[in-house]
Amino acid sequence: MSDTHASTERDGARDPTDSPMSVLRLVVGYDGSPSSRRAVDFAAARFKGSTAVVVHVAAIPLPPAGAMVPPDALVVPTAAEEADFERLARSTAQDGVARARRAGLEAEAETRVGTGSSAVAAGLLDVAEERDADLVVLGHRDLGRLEALLHASVSRIAVQDGRKPVLVVPSHDA
């Protein structure tokens, strides 16, 4: 037994690299986009039989970075709008769970709400910590240069955070 493996056993943490293609506890980010569907499919193909929490972090839209928005122009959603927003978030997460189950993962849904890419990444990583996930799986969107300047990448923020290992699935075949 290696020293690394021995220390892993002592602190009670599991090392997801112990056996390739092993059964893991996954958190998979899902928003219904092609890149998130690809992330679910990739996780299921590589980690058959693993358990997955399919997480949809409903992002409340914000004005573009640097936009000058007067305070009276910001609209607070009504209780009915918030309920609709939550229903849509649950529905999106359940769609991801159905896809994951069809592909061979044991899956359940969880939803969070956030504002902006940083909050979406934080929500995914919070779930990963709460569920003691071995790996976070996210899709990657090919953003144009201007869009990338205006909108931070959830996958980049999650990787840079460093709380959990993150696998970013490319948006196209390599």
Foldseek 3Di string as FASTA:
>chain_A
DDPVVVVCVVVPADQPVPDFLEAWEEEQEFDPDLQSLVLLLVCLVSNAAHEYEYEYAAADEDPWPPDDDDPVNDDDDDPVVVVVSVVSRQVRQVVSCVSNVVSHHRYDYDYHYYHALLRRLVVSVVVCVVVVTQEYEYEWDDDDPVVCVRGPTNQVNNCVVPPHHYHYHYSDDD
